[in-house]
């Protein structure tokens, strides 16, 4: 079963804590083993100096991983973060963030993903994350 962006938005609404939902993430694209989410710019998410906070970017990468794994599996099942490593390369100021997660290995109990975060309209990565998830269901 191929999931559609509306399915990803429903997964966000039904399975994430209110503070994650407050980020305003939108599912832009879903594929067999990937997801692209949009993190809208908000001054509330900016740190001193005006850049998007690392905490918001890491939460977006983590969330995009769940949506990408769900897309790869054909639906949501309970899962939890085992590891996330994020490298920040440049600030994002005043622009939405596109968060593209690719599932690189999908096993029965573990999934691995690579996540690239870019400022909307700029192809250069602002941050990159590697994530590992335990699949519980």
Protein backbone atom coordinates (compact mmCIF):
# COMPACT_ATOMS: atom_id res chain seq x y z
CA UNK A 1 0.00 0.00 0.00
CA UNK A 2 1.43 3.37 -1.00
CA UNK A 3 0.83 6.12 1.53
CA UNK A 4 -0.15 9.61 0.43
CA UNK A 5 0.83 12.92 2.10
CA UNK A 6 -2.61 13.08 3.77
CA UNK A 7 -1.85 9.68 5.37
CA UNK A 8 1.40 11.10 6.73
CA UNK A 9 -0.40 14.15 8.13
CA UNK A 10 -2.86 11.79 9.85
CA UNK A 11 0.03 9.82 11.39
CA UNK A 12 1.37 13.13 12.73
CA UNK A 13 -2.01 14.11 14.22
CA UNK A 14 -2.74 10.71 15.75
CA UNK A 15 0.64 9.66 17.14
CA UNK A 16 2.75 12.65 18.17
CA UNK A 17 2.85 14.72 21.33
CA UNK A 18 1.14 18.13 21.23
CA UNK A 19 4.47 20.00 21.37
CA UNK A 20 5.64 18.16 18.21
CA UNK A 21 2.34 19.01 16.52
CA UNK A 22 2.94 22.66 17.53
CA UNK A 23 5.95 22.68 15.18
CA UNK A 24 3.43 22.79 12.30
CA UNK A 25 5.12 20.03 10.28
CA UNK A 26 3.44 19.20 6.97
CA UNK A 27 4.02 16.10 4.87
CA UNK A 28 4.96 17.28 1.38
CA UNK A 29 5.86 13.96 -0.26
CA UNK A 30 5.90 10.25 0.49
CA UNK A 31 7.61 7.49 -1.44
CA UNK A 32 8.40 3.84 -1.06
CA UNK A 33 11.29 4.52 1.35
CA UNK A 34 11.28 8.27 1.91
CA UNK A 35 9.35 11.23 3.22
CA UNK A 36 9.70 14.98 2.80
CA UNK A 37 8.27 17.20 5.53
CA UNK A 38 8.09 20.98 5.70
CA UNK A 39 8.93 22.74 8.95
CA UNK A 40 7.43 26.23 8.59
CA UNK A 41 9.57 29.15 9.70
CA UNK A 42 8.47 30.66 12.99
CA UNK A 43 10.16 33.29 15.12
CA UNK A 44 9.15 31.10 18.10
CA UNK A 45 11.60 28.44 16.84
CA UNK A 46 14.52 30.86 16.36
CA UNK A 47 17.42 30.95 18.77
CA UNK A 48 19.54 33.95 19.70
CA UNK A 49 21.02 35.27 16.47
CA UNK A 50 17.90 34.47 14.44
CA UNK A 51 18.61 30.95 13.20
CA UNK A 52 16.21 28.03 13.52
CA UNK A 53 17.01 26.24 16.78
CA UNK A 54 18.83 22.93 16.67
CA UNK A 55 16.20 21.39 18.94
CA UNK A 56 13.46 22.16 16.40
CA UNK A 57 15.57 20.78 13.55
CA UNK A 58 16.36 17.58 15.47
CA UNK A 59 12.70 17.07 16.36
CA UNK A 60 11.77 17.55 12.69
CA UNK A 61 14.41 15.02 11.57
CA UNK A 62 13.22 12.51 14.18
CA UNK A 63 9.59 12.97 13.12
CA UNK A 64 10.41 12.69 9.40
CA UNK A 65 12.09 9.37 10.14
CA UNK A 66 8.88 7.99 11.66
CA UNK A 67 6.89 9.09 8.61
CA UNK A 68 9.47 7.60 6.20
CA UNK A 69 9.50 4.26 8.06
CA UNK A 70 5.70 4.26 8.09
CA UNK A 71 5.71 4.85 4.34
CA UNK A 72 8.22 2.03 3.81
CA UNK A 73 6.06 -0.35 5.89
CA UNK A 74 2.75 0.72 4.35
CA UNK A 75 1.43 2.16 7.61
CA UNK A 76 2.27 3.29 11.12
CA UNK A 77 3.32 0.89 13.87
CA UNK A 78 4.71 1.79 17.29
CA UNK A 79 8.44 2.60 17.13
CA UNK A 80 10.99 4.48 19.16
CA UNK A 81 14.23 6.33 18.57
CA UNK A 82 17.35 4.32 19.42
CA UNK A 83 19.93 6.82 18.17
CA UNK A 84 20.09 10.15 16.37
CA UNK A 85 23.26 11.95 15.36
CA UNK A 86 22.86 15.41 13.83
CA UNK A 87 25.46 17.62 12.20
CA UNK A 88 24.65 21.32 11.72
CA UNK A 89 26.37 22.94 8.75
CA UNK A 90 24.77 26.37 8.30
CA UNK A 91 21.98 28.40 9.90
CA UNK A 92 18.48 28.65 8.47
CA UNK A 93 17.09 32.14 8.91
CA UNK A 94 13.62 33.25 7.88
CA UNK A 95 12.87 30.26 5.62
CA UNK A 96 10.89 27.06 5.88
CA UNK A 97 12.93 23.89 6.29
CA UNK A 98 12.54 20.88 4.00
CA UNK A 99 13.27 17.68 5.89
CA UNK A 100 13.96 14.69 3.62
CA UNK A 101 14.28 11.29 5.28
CA UNK A 102 15.42 8.17 3.39
CA UNK A 103 15.15 4.71 4.91
CA UNK A 104 18.49 3.06 4.17
CA UNK A 105 17.72 -0.28 5.87
CA UNK A 106 14.38 -1.64 7.00
CA UNK A 107 14.59 -4.74 9.14
CA UNK A 108 12.02 -6.54 11.26
CA UNK A 109 13.08 -4.86 14.48
CA UNK A 110 15.38 -1.98 13.44
CA UNK A 111 15.25 0.70 10.78
CA UNK A 112 18.02 3.08 9.71
CA UNK A 113 17.55 6.42 7.95
CA UNK A 114 19.49 9.35 6.58
CA UNK A 115 17.90 12.80 6.90
CA UNK A 116 18.87 15.99 5.06
CA UNK A 117 17.52 19.38 6.14
CA UNK A 118 17.66 22.32 3.74
CA UNK A 119 16.32 25.86 3.69
CA UNK A 120 13.48 26.11 1.17
CA UNK A 121 14.98 27.14 -2.17
CA UNK A 122 18.57 26.29 -1.20
CA UNK A 123 19.84 22.84 -2.26
CA UNK A 124 22.82 22.95 0.15
CA UNK A 125 22.28 20.96 3.35
CA UNK A 126 21.88 23.03 6.51
CA UNK A 127 21.94 19.91 8.67
CA UNK A 128 22.17 16.14 8.27
CA UNK A 129 21.06 13.40 10.63
CA UNK A 130 21.49 9.67 10.88
CA UNK A 131 18.73 7.89 12.80
CA UNK A 132 18.11 4.39 14.11
CA UNK A 133 14.66 3.25 15.22
CA UNK A 134 13.40 0.18 17.05
CA UNK A 135 10.19 -1.12 15.51
CA UNK A 136 7.91 -2.24 18.33
CA UNK A 137 4.83 -3.39 16.46
